[in-house]
PDB file of N, CA and C in Angstrom:
ATOM      1  N   MET A   1     125.409  -7.835  54.726  1.00  0.00           N
ATOM      2  CA  MET A   1     126.204  -8.928  54.179  1.00  0.00           C
ATOM      3  C   MET A   1     127.638  -8.843  54.711  1.00  0.00           C
ATOM      4  N   ILE A   2     128.385  -9.894  54.498  1.00  0.00           N
ATOM      5  CA  ILE A   2     129.753  -9.985  55.016  1.00  0.00           C
ATOM      6  C   ILE A   2     130.650  -8.952  54.346  1.00  0.00           C
ATOM      7  N   LYS A   3     131.420  -8.265  55.161  1.00  0.00           N
ATOM      8  CA  LYS A   3     132.365  -7.266  54.651  1.00  0.00           C
ATOM      9  C   LYS A   3     133.745  -7.879  54.427  1.00  0.00           C
ATOM     10  N   LYS A   4     134.277  -8.665  55.416  1.00  0.00           N
ATOM     11  CA  LYS A   4     135.559  -9.348  55.241  1.00  0.00           C
ATOM     12  C   LYS A   4     135.711 -10.442  56.279  1.00  0.00           C
ATOM     13  N   TYR A   5     136.552 -11.412  55.965  1.00  0.00           N
ATOM     14  CA  TYR A   5     136.850 -12.513  56.878  1.00  0.00           C
ATOM     15  C   TYR A   5     137.823 -12.026  57.939  1.00  0.00           C
ATOM     16  N   LEU A   6     137.556 -12.343  59.216  1.00  0.00           N
ATOM     17  CA  LEU A   6     138.392 -11.853  60.298  1.00  0.00           C
ATOM     18  C   LEU A   6     139.238 -12.930  60.951  1.00  0.00           C
ATOM     19  N   HIS A   7     138.595 -13.948  61.535  1.00  0.00           N
ATOM     20  CA  HIS A   7     139.383 -14.971  62.214  1.00  0.00           C
ATOM     21  C   HIS A   7     138.597 -16.269  62.383  1.00  0.00           C
ATOM     22  N   THR A   8     139.343 -17.313  62.737  1.00  0.00           N
ATOM     23  CA  THR A   8     138.791 -18.613  63.099  1.00  0.00           C
ATOM     24  C   THR A   8     139.315 -18.951  64.486  1.00  0.00           C
ATOM     25  N   ARG A   9     138.485 -19.577  65.307  1.00  0.00           N
ATOM     26  CA  ARG A   9     138.905 -19.988  66.648  1.00  0.00           C
ATOM     27  C   ARG A   9     139.073 -21.503  66.680  1.00  0.00           C
ATOM     28  N   PHE A  10     140.218 -21.944  67.224  1.00  0.00           N
ATOM     29  CA  PHE A  10     140.461 -23.355  67.509  1.00  0.00           C
ATOM     30  C   PHE A  10     140.656 -23.496  69.007  1.00  0.00           C
ATOM     31  N   ARG A  11     139.947 -24.425  69.631  1.00  0.00           N
ATOM     32  CA  ARG A  11     140.218 -24.744  71.032  1.00  0.00           C
ATOM     33  C   ARG A  11     141.405 -25.697  71.054  1.00  0.00           C
ATOM     34  N   VAL A  12     142.356 -25.455  71.941  1.00  0.00           N
ATOM     35  CA  VAL A  12     143.574 -26.253  72.015  1.00  0.00           C
ATOM     36  C   VAL A  12     143.751 -26.825  73.420  1.00  0.00           C
ATOM     37  N   SER A  13     144.496 -27.930  73.488  1.00  0.00           N
ATOM     38  CA  SER A  13     144.725 -28.592  74.780  1.00  0.00           C
ATOM     39  C   SER A  13     145.838 -27.933  75.575  1.00  0.00           C
ATOM     40  N   GLU A  14     146.964 -27.656  74.910  1.00  0.00           N
ATOM     41  CA  GLU A  14     148.144 -27.094  75.556  1.00  0.00           C
ATOM     42  C   GLU A  14     148.539 -25.818  74.820  1.00  0.00           C
ATOM     43  N   MET A  15     148.209 -24.661  75.393  1.00  0.00           N
ATOM     44  CA  MET A  15     148.399 -23.384  74.704  1.00  0.00           C
ATOM     45  C   MET A  15     149.846 -23.157  74.270  1.00  0.00           C
ATOM     46  N   GLU A  16     150.806 -23.349  75.159  1.00  0.00           N
ATOM     47  CA  GLU A  16     152.196 -23.053  74.813  1.00  0.00           C
ATOM     48  C   GLU A  16     152.699 -23.942  73.679  1.00  0.00           C
ATOM     49  N   GLN A  17     152.314 -25.198  73.692  1.00  0.00           N
ATOM     50  CA  GLN A  17     152.704 -26.117  72.621  1.00  0.00           C
ATOM     51  C   GLN A  17     152.103 -25.663  71.286  1.00  0.00           C
ATOM     52  N   SER A  18     150.850 -25.220  71.304  1.00  0.00           N
ATOM     53  CA  SER A  18     150.196 -24.740  70.081  1.00  0.00           C
ATOM     54  C   SER A  18     150.830 -23.444  69.591  1.00  0.00           C
ATOM     55  N   ILE A  19     151.156 -22.542  70.510  1.00  0.00           N
ATOM     56  CA  ILE A  19     151.816 -21.294  70.111  1.00  0.00           C
ATOM     57  C   ILE A  19     153.155 -21.610  69.430  1.00  0.00           C
ATOM     58  N   ARG A  20     153.932 -22.520  70.002  1.00  0.00           N
ATOM     59  CA  ARG A  20     155.222 -22.880  69.392  1.00  0.00           C
ATOM     60  C   ARG A  20     155.032 -23.413  67.978  1.00  0.00           C
ATOM     61  N   PHE A  21     154.015 -24.239  67.763  1.00  0.00           N
ATOM     62  CA  PHE A  21     153.762 -24.785  66.429  1.00  0.00           C
ATOM     63  C   PHE A  21     153.419 -23.670  65.439  1.00  0.00           C
ATOM     64  N   TYR A  22     152.427 -22.867  65.768  1.00  0.00           N
ATOM     65  CA  TYR A  22     151.970 -21.847  64.822  1.00  0.00           C
ATOM     66  C   TYR A  22     152.978 -20.709  64.646  1.00  0.00           C
ATOM     67  N   ARG A  23     153.671 -20.330  65.695  1.00  0.00           N
ATOM     68  CA  ARG A  23     154.650 -19.242  65.620  1.00  0.00           C
ATOM     69  C   ARG A  23     155.992 -19.737  65.083  1.00  0.00           C
ATOM     70  N   ASP A  24     156.563 -20.756  65.715  1.00  0.00           N
ATOM     71  CA  ASP A  24     157.928 -21.158  65.406  1.00  0.00           C
ATOM     72  C   ASP A  24     158.035 -22.044  64.170  1.00  0.00           C
ATOM     73  N   VAL A  25     157.035 -22.880  63.914  1.00  0.00           N
ATOM     74  CA  VAL A  25     157.091 -23.772  62.755  1.00  0.00           C
ATOM     75  C   VAL A  25     156.441 -23.128  61.538  1.00  0.00           C
ATOM     76  N   LEU A  26     155.227 -22.589  61.698  1.00  0.00           N
ATOM     77  CA  LEU A  26     154.518 -22.011  60.554  1.00  0.00           C
ATOM     78  C   LEU A  26     154.824 -20.534  60.330  1.00  0.00           C
ATOM     79  N   GLY A  27     155.414 -19.861  61.298  1.00  0.00           N
ATOM     80  CA  GLY A  27     155.815 -18.471  61.104  1.00  0.00           C
ATOM     81  C   GLY A  27     154.723 -17.444  61.313  1.00  0.00           C
ATOM     82  N   MET A  28     153.675 -17.791  62.053  1.00  0.00           N
ATOM     83  CA  MET A  28     152.630 -16.811  62.335  1.00  0.00           C
ATOM     84  C   MET A  28     153.101 -15.853  63.416  1.00  0.00           C
ATOM     85  N   GLU A  29     152.521 -14.663  63.405  1.00  0.00           N
ATOM     86  CA  GLU A  29     152.876 -13.617  64.370  1.00  0.00           C
ATOM     87  C   GLU A  29     151.854 -13.594  65.496  1.00  0.00           C
ATOM     88  N   VAL A  30     152.331 -13.644  66.742  1.00  0.00           N
ATOM     89  CA  VAL A  30     151.436 -13.520  67.900  1.00  0.00           C
ATOM     90  C   VAL A  30     151.089 -12.041  68.063  1.00  0.00           C
ATOM     91  N   LEU A  31     149.803 -11.736  68.007  1.00  0.00           N
ATOM     92  CA  LEU A  31     149.336 -10.354  68.105  1.00  0.00           C
ATOM     93  C   LEU A  31     148.928  -9.970  69.516  1.00  0.00           C
ATOM     94  N   GLU A  32     148.264 -10.892  70.196  1.00  0.00           N
ATOM     95  CA  GLU A  32     147.697 -10.557  71.495  1.00  0.00           C
ATOM     96  C   GLU A  32     147.478 -11.835  72.301  1.00  0.00           C
ATOM     97  N   GLN A  33     147.691 -11.735  73.610  1.00  0.00           N
ATOM     98  CA  GLN A  33     147.379 -12.815  74.540  1.00  0.00           C
ATOM     99  C   GLN A  33     146.577 -12.209  75.686  1.00  0.00           C
ATOM    100  N   LYS A  34     145.470 -12.881  76.047  1.00  0.00           N
ATOM    101  CA  LYS A  34     144.656 -12.353  77.136  1.00  0.00           C
ATOM    102  C   LYS A  34     143.814 -13.465  77.735  1.00  0.00           C
ATOM    103  N   THR A  35     143.163 -13.155  78.846  1.00  0.00           N
ATOM    104  CA  THR A  35     142.228 -14.064  79.480  1.00  0.00           C
ATOM    105  C   THR A  35     140.833 -13.476  79.337  1.00  0.00           C
ATOM    106  N   SER A  36     139.900 -14.292  78.898  1.00  0.00           N
ATOM    107  CA  SER A  36     138.526 -13.821  78.695  1.00  0.00           C
ATOM    108  C   SER A  36     137.830 -13.654  80.037  1.00  0.00           C
ATOM    109  N   PRO A  37     136.706 -12.935  80.055  1.00  0.00           N
ATOM    110  CA  PRO A  37     135.946 -12.789  81.304  1.00  0.00           C
ATOM    111  C   PRO A  37     135.502 -14.137  81.893  1.00  0.00           C
ATOM    112  N   ARG A  38     135.364 -15.172  81.051  1.00  0.00           N
ATOM    113  CA  ARG A  38     134.979 -16.506  81.530  1.00  0.00           C
ATOM    114  C   ARG A  38     136.180 -17.328  81.986  1.00  0.00           C
ATOM    115  N   GLY A  39     137.402 -16.772  81.854  1.00  0.00           N
ATOM    116  CA  GLY A  39     138.593 -17.457  82.344  1.00  0.00           C
ATOM    117  C   GLY A  39     139.372 -18.254  81.338  1.00  0.00           C
ATOM    118  N   SER A  40     138.964 -18.247  80.090  1.00  0.00           N
ATOM    119  CA  SER A  40     139.724 -18.981  79.074  1.00  0.00           C
ATOM    120  C   SER A  40     140.897 -18.135  78.599  1.00  0.00           C
ATOM    121  N   LYS A  41     141.991 -18.819  78.257  1.00  0.00           N
ATOM    122  CA  LYS A  41     143.164 -18.128  77.725  1.00  0.00           C
ATOM    123  C   LYS A  41     142.991 -18.008  76.221  1.00  0.00           C
ATOM    124  N   LEU A  42     143.218 -16.807  75.689  1.00  0.00           N
ATOM    125  CA  LEU A  42     143.058 -16.534  74.262  1.00  0.00           C
ATOM    126  C   LEU A  42     144.363 -15.994  73.699  1.00  0.00           C
ATOM    127  N   VAL A  43     144.734 -16.497  72.530  1.00  0.00           N
ATOM    128  CA  VAL A  43     145.910 -16.001  71.825  1.00  0.00           C
ATOM    129  C   VAL A  43     145.506 -15.775  70.376  1.00  0.00           C
ATOM    130  N   PHE A  44     145.803 -14.579  69.868  1.00  0.00           N
ATOM    131  CA  PHE A  44     145.503 -14.227  68.482  1.00  0.00           C
ATOM    132  C   PHE A  44     146.802 -14.213  67.691  1.00  0.00           C
ATOM    133  N   LEU A  45     146.804 -14.939  66.563  1.00  0.00           N
ATOM    134  CA  LEU A  45     147.964 -14.988  65.671  1.00  0.00           C
ATOM    135  C   LEU A  45     147.527 -14.524  64.294  1.00  0.00           C
ATOM    136  N   ARG A  46     148.441 -13.890  63.575  1.00  0.00           N
ATOM    137  CA  ARG A  46     148.130 -13.398  62.221  1.00  0.00           C
ATOM    138  C   ARG A  46     148.782 -14.298  61.187  1.00  0.00           C
ATOM    139  N   PHE A  47     147.998 -14.610  60.160  1.00  0.00           N
ATOM    140  CA  PHE A  47     148.535 -15.344  59.024  1.00  0.00           C
ATOM    141  C   PHE A  47     149.460 -14.420  58.250  1.00  0.00           C
ATOM    142  N   PRO A  48     150.646 -14.892  57.868  1.00  0.00           N
ATOM    143  CA  PRO A  48     151.596 -14.041  57.133  1.00  0.00           C
ATOM    144  C   PRO A  48     150.973 -13.456  55.855  1.00  0.00           C
ATOM    145  N   GLY A  49     151.214 -12.182  55.634  1.00  0.00           N
ATOM    146  CA  GLY A  49     150.767 -11.520  54.412  1.00  0.00           C
ATOM    147  C   GLY A  49     149.275 -11.259  54.327  1.00  0.00           C
ATOM    148  N   THR A  50     148.559 -11.381  55.455  1.00  0.00           N
ATOM    149  CA  THR A  50     147.109 -11.159  55.437  1.00  0.00           C
ATOM    150  C   THR A  50     146.686 -10.333  56.646  1.00  0.00           C
ATOM    151  N   GLU A  51     145.411 -10.007  56.670  1.00  0.00           N
ATOM    152  CA  GLU A  51     144.809  -9.400  57.852  1.00  0.00           C
ATOM    153  C   GLU A  51     144.023 -10.435  58.644  1.00  0.00           C
ATOM    154  N   CYS A  52     144.013 -11.693  58.196  1.00  0.00           N
ATOM    155  CA  CYS A  52     143.247 -12.760  58.839  1.00  0.00           C
ATOM    156  C   CYS A  52     143.999 -13.318  60.039  1.00  0.00           C
ATOM    157  N   GLU A  53     143.234 -13.752  61.015  1.00  0.00           N
ATOM    158  CA  GLU A  53     143.827 -14.236  62.258  1.00  0.00           C
ATOM    159  C   GLU A  53     143.315 -15.613  62.627  1.00  0.00           C
ATOM    160  N   LEU A  54     144.112 -16.293  63.442  1.00  0.00           N
ATOM    161  CA  LEU A  54     143.717 -17.538  64.080  1.00  0.00           C
ATOM    162  C   LEU A  54     143.672 -17.254  65.572  1.00  0.00           C
ATOM    163  N   GLU A  55     142.551 -17.570  66.202  1.00  0.00           N
ATOM    164  CA  GLU A  55     142.406 -17.393  67.639  1.00  0.00           C
ATOM    165  C   GLU A  55     142.519 -18.765  68.288  1.00  0.00           C
ATOM    166  N   LEU A  56     143.502 -18.929  69.152  1.00  0.00           N
ATOM    167  CA  LEU A  56     143.636 -20.151  69.925  1.00  0.00           C
ATOM    168  C   LEU A  56     142.980 -19.926  71.273  1.00  0.00           C
ATOM    169  N   CYS A  57     142.216 -20.900  71.724  1.00  0.00           N
ATOM    170  CA  CYS A  57     141.449 -20.771  72.959  1.00  0.00           C
ATOM    171  C   CYS A  57     141.708 -21.994  73.824  1.00  0.00           C
ATOM    172  N   SER A  58     142.045 -21.774  75.079  1.00  0.00           N
ATOM    173  CA  SER A  58     142.308 -22.870  76.003  1.00  0.00           C
ATOM    174  C   SER A  58     141.360 -22.773  77.192  1.00  0.00           C
ATOM    175  N   PHE A  59     140.571 -23.828  77.393  1.00  0.00           N
ATOM    176  CA  PHE A  59     139.719 -23.996  78.566  1.00  0.00           C
ATOM    177  C   PHE A  59     140.320 -25.157  79.357  1.00  0.00           C
ATOM    178  N   PRO A  60     141.269 -24.917  80.241  1.00  0.00           N
ATOM    179  CA  PRO A  60     141.982 -26.017  80.912  1.00  0.00           C
ATOM    180  C   PRO A  60     141.069 -27.032  81.601  1.00  0.00           C
ATOM    181  N   ASP A  61     139.949 -26.599  82.139  1.00  0.00           N
ATOM    182  CA  ASP A  61     139.068 -27.519  82.859  1.00  0.00           C
ATOM    183  C   ASP A  61     138.221 -28.400  81.936  1.00  0.00           C
ATOM    184  N   SER A  62     138.218 -28.126  80.635  1.00  0.00           N
ATOM    185  CA  SER A  62     137.359 -28.897  79.728  1.00  0.00           C
ATOM    186  C   SER A  62     138.059 -30.117  79.140  1.00  0.00           C
ATOM    187  N   GLY A  63     139.315 -30.344  79.491  1.00  0.00           N
ATOM    188  CA  GLY A  63     139.999 -31.560  79.049  1.00  0.00           C
ATOM    189  C   GLY A  63     140.659 -31.417  77.694  1.00  0.00           C
ATOM    190  N   LYS A  64     141.224 -32.536  77.237  1.00  0.00           N
ATOM    191  CA  LYS A  64     141.961 -32.582  75.975  1.00  0.00           C
ATOM    192  C   LYS A  64     141.023 -32.420  74.788  1.00  0.00           C
ATOM    193  N   VAL A  65     141.498 -31.726  73.783  1.00  0.00           N
ATOM    194  CA  VAL A  65     140.746 -31.547  72.546  1.00  0.00           C
ATOM    195  C   VAL A  65     140.804 -32.846  71.745  1.00  0.00           C
ATOM    196  N   GLU A  66     139.665 -33.286  71.239  1.00  0.00           N
ATOM    197  CA  GLU A  66     139.581 -34.468  70.385  1.00  0.00           C
ATOM    198  C   GLU A  66     139.028 -34.016  69.039  1.00  0.00           C
ATOM    199  N   VAL A  67     139.918 -33.846  68.046  1.00  0.00           N
ATOM    200  CA  VAL A  67     139.504 -33.374  66.725  1.00  0.00           C
ATOM    201  C   VAL A  67     139.156 -34.582  65.863  1.00  0.00           C
ATOM    202  N   PRO A  68     137.899 -34.719  65.422  1.00  0.00           N
ATOM    203  CA  PRO A  68     137.541 -35.837  64.546  1.00  0.00           C
ATOM    204  C   PRO A  68     138.332 -35.765  63.236  1.00  0.00           C
ATOM    205  N   GLU A  69     138.697 -36.918  62.721  1.00  0.00           N
ATOM    206  CA  GLU A  69     139.462 -36.973  61.479  1.00  0.00           C
ATOM    207  C   GLU A  69     138.693 -36.296  60.350  1.00  0.00           C
ATOM    208  N   ASP A  70     139.406 -35.518  59.555  1.00  0.00           N
ATOM    209  CA  ASP A  70     138.871 -34.857  58.367  1.00  0.00           C
ATOM    210  C   ASP A  70     137.732 -33.876  58.679  1.00  0.00           C
ATOM    211  N   LEU A  71     137.745 -33.304  59.887  1.00  0.00           N
ATOM    212  CA  LEU A  71     136.719 -32.324  60.244  1.00  0.00           C
ATOM    213  C   LEU A  71     136.997 -30.973  59.611  1.00  0.00           C
ATOM    214  N   VAL A  72     138.239 -30.521  59.711  1.00  0.00           N
ATOM    215  CA  VAL A  72     138.598 -29.174  59.282  1.00  0.00           C
ATOM    216  C   VAL A  72     140.077 -29.161  58.946  1.00  0.00           C
ATOM    217  N   HIS A  73     140.475 -28.277  58.034  1.00  0.00           N
ATOM    218  CA  HIS A  73     141.904 -28.048  57.862  1.00  0.00           C
ATOM    219  C   HIS A  73     142.151 -26.618  57.427  1.00  0.00           C
ATOM    220  N   LEU A  74     143.357 -26.161  57.733  1.00  0.00           N
ATOM    221  CA  LEU A  74     143.823 -24.864  57.262  1.00  0.00           C
ATOM    222  C   LEU A  74     144.768 -25.130  56.103  1.00  0.00           C
ATOM    223  N   ALA A  75     144.686 -24.330  55.056  1.00  0.00           N
ATOM    224  CA  ALA A  75     145.571 -24.466  53.902  1.00  0.00           C
ATOM    225  C   ALA A  75     146.365 -23.179  53.739  1.00  0.00           C
ATOM    226  N   PHE A  76     147.681 -23.345  53.575  1.00  0.00           N
ATOM    227  CA  PHE A  76     148.578 -22.207  53.416  1.00  0.00           C
ATOM    228  C   PHE A  76     149.386 -22.364  52.138  1.00  0.00           C
ATOM    229  N   GLU A  77     149.506 -21.299  51.372  1.00  0.00           N
ATOM    230  CA  GLU A  77     150.438 -21.302  50.249  1.00  0.00           C
ATOM    231  C   GLU A  77     151.823 -20.990  50.800  1.00  0.00           C
ATOM    232  N   VAL A  78     152.814 -21.743  50.349  1.00  0.00           N
ATOM    233  CA  VAL A  78     154.186 -21.544  50.786  1.00  0.00           C
ATOM    234  C   VAL A  78     155.062 -21.227  49.585  1.00  0.00           C
ATOM    235  N   GLU A  79     156.168 -20.554  49.839  1.00  0.00           N
ATOM    236  CA  GLU A  79     157.113 -20.198  48.773  1.00  0.00           C
ATOM    237  C   GLU A  79     157.877 -21.424  48.284  1.00  0.00           C
ATOM    238  N   ASN A  80     158.350 -22.244  49.238  1.00  0.00           N
ATOM    239  CA  ASN A  80     159.190 -23.387  48.889  1.00  0.00           C
ATOM    240  C   ASN A  80     158.781 -24.584  49.743  1.00  0.00           C
ATOM    241  N   LEU A  81     158.092 -25.537  49.135  1.00  0.00           N
ATOM    242  CA  LEU A  81     157.589 -26.691  49.870  1.00  0.00           C
ATOM    243  C   LEU A  81     158.726 -27.552  50.426  1.00  0.00           C
ATOM    244  N   ASP A  82     159.812 -27.680  49.686  1.00  0.00           N
ATOM    245  CA  ASP A  82     160.934 -28.485  50.170  1.00  0.00           C
ATOM    246  C   ASP A  82     161.505 -27.915  51.469  1.00  0.00           C
ATOM    247  N   ASN A  83     161.595 -26.594  51.567  1.00  0.00           N
ATOM    248  CA  ASN A  83     162.056 -25.967  52.811  1.00  0.00           C
ATOM    249  C   ASN A  83     161.092 -26.259  53.956  1.00  0.00           C
ATOM    250  N   CYS A  84     159.789 -26.240  53.677  1.00  0.00           N
ATOM    251  CA  CYS A  84     158.788 -26.533  54.706  1.00  0.00           C
ATOM    252  C   CYS A  84     158.894 -27.983  55.168  1.00  0.00           C
ATOM    253  N   ILE A  85     159.084 -28.895  54.226  1.00  0.00           N
ATOM    254  CA  ILE A  85     159.238 -30.309  54.576  1.00  0.00           C
ATOM    255  C   ILE A  85     160.457 -30.486  55.471  1.00  0.00           C
ATOM    256  N   PHE A  86     161.559 -29.833  55.117  1.00  0.00           N
ATOM    257  CA  PHE A  86     162.770 -29.911  55.934  1.00  0.00           C
ATOM    258  C   PHE A  86     162.501 -29.397  57.348  1.00  0.00           C
ATOM    259  N   LYS A  87     161.818 -28.256  57.450  1.00  0.00           N
ATOM    260  CA  LYS A  87     161.548 -27.663  58.763  1.00  0.00           C
ATOM    261  C   LYS A  87     160.632 -28.564  59.595  1.00  0.00           C
ATOM    262  N   LEU A  88     159.621 -29.158  58.963  1.00  0.00           N
ATOM    263  CA  LEU A  88     158.737 -30.077  59.679  1.00  0.00           C
ATOM    264  C   LEU A  88     159.530 -31.266  60.214  1.00  0.00           C
ATOM    265  N   LYS A  89     160.357 -31.870  59.358  1.00  0.00           N
ATOM    266  CA  LYS A  89     161.149 -33.031  59.774  1.00  0.00           C
ATOM    267  C   LYS A  89     162.132 -32.645  60.879  1.00  0.00           C
ATOM    268  N   HIS A  90     162.785 -31.488  60.715  1.00  0.00           N
ATOM    269  CA  HIS A  90     163.741 -31.014  61.725  1.00  0.00           C
ATOM    270  C   HIS A  90     163.041 -30.769  63.067  1.00  0.00           C
ATOM    271  N   SER A  91     161.785 -30.330  63.025  1.00  0.00           N
ATOM    272  CA  SER A  91     161.004 -30.073  64.234  1.00  0.00           C
ATOM    273  C   SER A  91     160.293 -31.328  64.739  1.00  0.00           C
ATOM    274  N   ARG A  92     160.510 -32.448  64.057  1.00  0.00           N
ATOM    275  CA  ARG A  92     159.896 -33.741  64.414  1.00  0.00           C
ATOM    276  C   ARG A  92     158.379 -33.694  64.359  1.00  0.00           C
ATOM    277  N   ILE A  93     157.879 -32.990  63.361  1.00  0.00           N
ATOM    278  CA  ILE A  93     156.434 -32.910  63.134  1.00  0.00           C
ATOM    279  C   ILE A  93     156.128 -33.786  61.923  1.00  0.00           C
ATOM    280  N   PRO A  94     155.274 -34.779  62.086  1.00  0.00           N
ATOM    281  CA  PRO A  94     155.044 -35.739  61.002  1.00  0.00           C
ATOM    282  C   PRO A  94     154.311 -35.135  59.810  1.00  0.00           C
ATOM    283  N   ILE A  95     154.684 -35.589  58.644  1.00  0.00           N
ATOM    284  CA  ILE A  95     153.929 -35.303  57.423  1.00  0.00           C
ATOM    285  C   ILE A  95     152.946 -36.453  57.288  1.00  0.00           C
ATOM    286  N   THR A  96     151.659 -36.146  57.293  1.00  0.00           N
ATOM    287  CA  THR A  96     150.642 -37.183  57.292  1.00  0.00           C
ATOM    288  C   THR A  96     150.241 -37.619  55.882  1.00  0.00           C
ATOM    289  N   GLU A  97     150.557 -36.787  54.890  1.00  0.00           N
ATOM    290  CA  GLU A  97     150.282 -37.145  53.488  1.00  0.00           C
ATOM    291  C   GLU A  97     151.174 -36.302  52.592  1.00  0.00           C
ATOM    292  N   GLY A  98     151.704 -36.936  51.553  1.00  0.00           N
ATOM    293  CA  GLY A  98     152.490 -36.216  50.568  1.00  0.00           C
ATOM    294  C   GLY A  98     153.977 -36.355  50.789  1.00  0.00           C
ATOM    295  N   PRO A  99     154.750 -35.656  49.976  1.00  0.00           N
ATOM    296  CA  PRO A  99     154.313 -34.629  49.026  1.00  0.00           C
ATOM    297  C   PRO A  99     153.609 -35.227  47.803  1.00  0.00           C
ATOM    298  N   ILE A 100     152.637 -34.478  47.329  1.00  0.00           N
ATOM    299  CA  ILE A 100     151.844 -34.846  46.156  1.00  0.00           C
ATOM    300  C   ILE A 100     151.956 -33.712  45.155  1.00  0.00           C
ATOM    301  N   GLU A 101     152.039 -34.078  43.870  1.00  0.00           N
ATOM    302  CA  GLU A 101     152.055 -33.068  42.807  1.00  0.00           C
ATOM    303  C   GLU A 101     150.859 -33.296  41.904  1.00  0.00           C
ATOM    304  N   THR A 102     150.091 -32.231  41.644  1.00  0.00           N
ATOM    305  CA  THR A 102     148.920 -32.313  40.778  1.00  0.00           C
ATOM    306  C   THR A 102     149.331 -32.128  39.327  1.00  0.00           C
ATOM    307  N   SER A 103     148.391 -32.345  38.437  1.00  0.00           N
ATOM    308  CA  SER A 103     148.683 -32.228  37.006  1.00  0.00           C
ATOM    309  C   SER A 103     149.051 -30.803  36.592  1.00  0.00           C
ATOM    310  N   ASN A 104     148.632 -29.792  37.369  1.00  0.00           N
ATOM    311  CA  ASN A 104     148.982 -28.414  37.013  1.00  0.00           C
ATOM    312  C   ASN A 104     150.282 -27.950  37.675  1.00  0.00           C
ATOM    313  N   GLY A 105     150.967 -28.860  38.406  1.00  0.00           N
ATOM    314  CA  GLY A 105     152.248 -28.521  39.011  1.00  0.00           C
ATOM    315  C   GLY A 105     152.176 -28.067  40.453  1.00  0.00           C
ATOM    316  N   THR A 106     150.984 -27.976  41.024  1.00  0.00           N
ATOM    317  CA  THR A 106     150.854 -27.636  42.436  1.00  0.00           C
ATOM    318  C   THR A 106     151.357 -28.813  43.272  1.00  0.00           C
ATOM    319  N   ARG A 107     152.167 -28.512  44.282  1.00  0.00           N
ATOM    320  CA  ARG A 107     152.685 -29.534  45.188  1.00  0.00           C
ATOM    321  C   ARG A 107     152.186 -29.232  46.596  1.00  0.00           C
ATOM    322  N   PHE A 108     151.876 -30.305  47.364  1.00  0.00           N
ATOM    323  CA  PHE A 108     151.389 -30.072  48.721  1.00  0.00           C
ATOM    324  C   PHE A 108     151.690 -31.254  49.627  1.00  0.00           C
ATOM    325  N   VAL A 109     151.665 -30.943  50.935  1.00  0.00           N
ATOM    326  CA  VAL A 109     151.744 -31.949  51.982  1.00  0.00           C
ATOM    327  C   VAL A 109     150.697 -31.603  53.033  1.00  0.00           C
ATOM    328  N   PHE A 110     150.359 -32.604  53.821  1.00  0.00           N
ATOM    329  CA  PHE A 110     149.515 -32.397  54.987  1.00  0.00           C
ATOM    330  C   PHE A 110     150.315 -32.747  56.227  1.00  0.00           C
ATOM    331  N   THR A 111     150.081 -31.986  57.285  1.00  0.00           N
ATOM    332  CA  THR A 111     150.646 -32.252  58.591  1.00  0.00           C
ATOM    333  C   THR A 111     149.555 -31.964  59.613  1.00  0.00           C
ATOM    334  N   GLU A 112     149.896 -32.006  60.890  1.00  0.00           N
ATOM    335  CA  GLU A 112     148.919 -31.723  61.933  1.00  0.00           C
ATOM    336  C   GLU A 112     149.534 -30.856  63.008  1.00  0.00           C
ATOM    337  N   ASP A 113     148.691 -30.026  63.625  1.00  0.00           N
ATOM    338  CA  ASP A 113     149.159 -29.250  64.775  1.00  0.00           C
ATOM    339  C   ASP A 113     149.131 -30.160  66.006  1.00  0.00           C
ATOM    340  N   PRO A 114     149.525 -29.679  67.174  1.00  0.00           N
ATOM    341  CA  PRO A 114     149.583 -30.547  68.355  1.00  0.00           C
ATOM    342  C   PRO A 114     148.254 -31.214  68.750  1.00  0.00           C
ATOM    343  N   ASP A 115     147.118 -30.629  68.379  1.00  0.00           N
ATOM    344  CA  ASP A 115     145.821 -31.236  68.680  1.00  0.00           C
ATOM    345  C   ASP A 115     145.247 -32.032  67.516  1.00  0.00           C
ATOM    346  N   LYS A 116     146.033 -32.173  66.460  1.00  0.00           N
ATOM    347  CA  LYS A 116     145.661 -32.927  65.254  1.00  0.00           C
ATOM    348  C   LYS A 116     144.686 -32.182  64.344  1.00  0.00           C
ATOM    349  N   TYR A 117     144.667 -30.833  64.449  1.00  0.00           N
ATOM    350  CA  TYR A 117     144.002 -30.059  63.403  1.00  0.00           C
ATOM    351  C   TYR A 117     144.876 -30.191  62.163  1.00  0.00           C
ATOM    352  N   GLU A 118     144.268 -30.525  61.042  1.00  0.00           N
ATOM    353  CA  GLU A 118     145.022 -30.779  59.823  1.00  0.00           C
ATOM    354  C   GLU A 118     145.479 -29.469  59.174  1.00  0.00           C
ATOM    355  N   ILE A 119     146.735 -29.465  58.711  1.00  0.00           N
ATOM    356  CA  ILE A 119     147.333 -28.299  58.070  1.00  0.00           C
ATOM    357  C   ILE A 119     147.834 -28.735  56.685  1.00  0.00           C
ATOM    358  N   GLU A 120     147.440 -28.002  55.645  1.00  0.00           N
ATOM    359  CA  GLU A 120     147.912 -28.258  54.290  1.00  0.00           C
ATOM    360  C   GLU A 120     148.879 -27.141  53.902  1.00  0.00           C
ATOM    361  N   LEU A 121     150.053 -27.540  53.417  1.00  0.00           N
ATOM    362  CA  LEU A 121     151.037 -26.589  52.927  1.00  0.00           C
ATOM    363  C   LEU A 121     151.190 -26.821  51.436  1.00  0.00           C
ATOM    364  N   MET A 122     150.981 -25.764  50.651  1.00  0.00           N
ATOM    365  CA  MET A 122     150.868 -25.899  49.209  1.00  0.00           C
ATOM    366  C   MET A 122     151.781 -24.915  48.487  1.00  0.00           C
ATOM    367  N   GLN A 123     152.545 -25.435  47.521  1.00  0.00           N
ATOM    368  CA  GLN A 123     153.370 -24.602  46.654  1.00  0.00           C
ATOM    369  C   GLN A 123     152.735 -24.604  45.274  1.00  0.00           C
ATOM    370  N   CYS A 124     152.310 -23.430  44.818  1.00  0.00           N
ATOM    371  CA  CYS A 124     151.673 -23.295  43.521  1.00  0.00           C
ATOM    372  C   CYS A 124     152.719 -23.035  42.450  1.00  0.00           C
ATOM    373  N   PRO A 125     152.441 -23.485  41.215  1.00  0.00           N
ATOM    374  CA  PRO A 125     153.406 -23.254  40.141  1.00  0.00           C
ATOM    375  C   PRO A 125     153.580 -21.757  39.863  1.00  0.00           C
ATOM    376  N   ARG A 126     154.752 -21.403  39.425  1.00  0.00           N
ATOM    377  CA  ARG A 126     155.015 -19.975  39.141  1.00  0.00           C
ATOM    378  C   ARG A 126     154.569 -19.589  37.774  1.00  0.00           C
TER     379      ARG A 126
END
């Protein structure tokens, strides 16, 4: 049976643009960059405060990534949603939904990475 969750792989169109989004905007740590035996570029990033990773994979010859709407999203808990909204706007990254507040006080927004993988940023009540 499963022992622990390790990572998820997303294929991306432009590796450097994706690294800037996940590292500089979301604050993930780049752990490793390498080229696979098949020639794809791989970058491993760590989610803050966890042992879980996101693997970005670029196959330049396979063309642009087309992510179907509402296929998948990553959800992150954040300390201060207002600070995240400010950083997204300052970085010219659109907020696609929200901010929304639920009846229990949880607040969240949705945005997208450069390939339109959906990202949810959520501030839980204290």
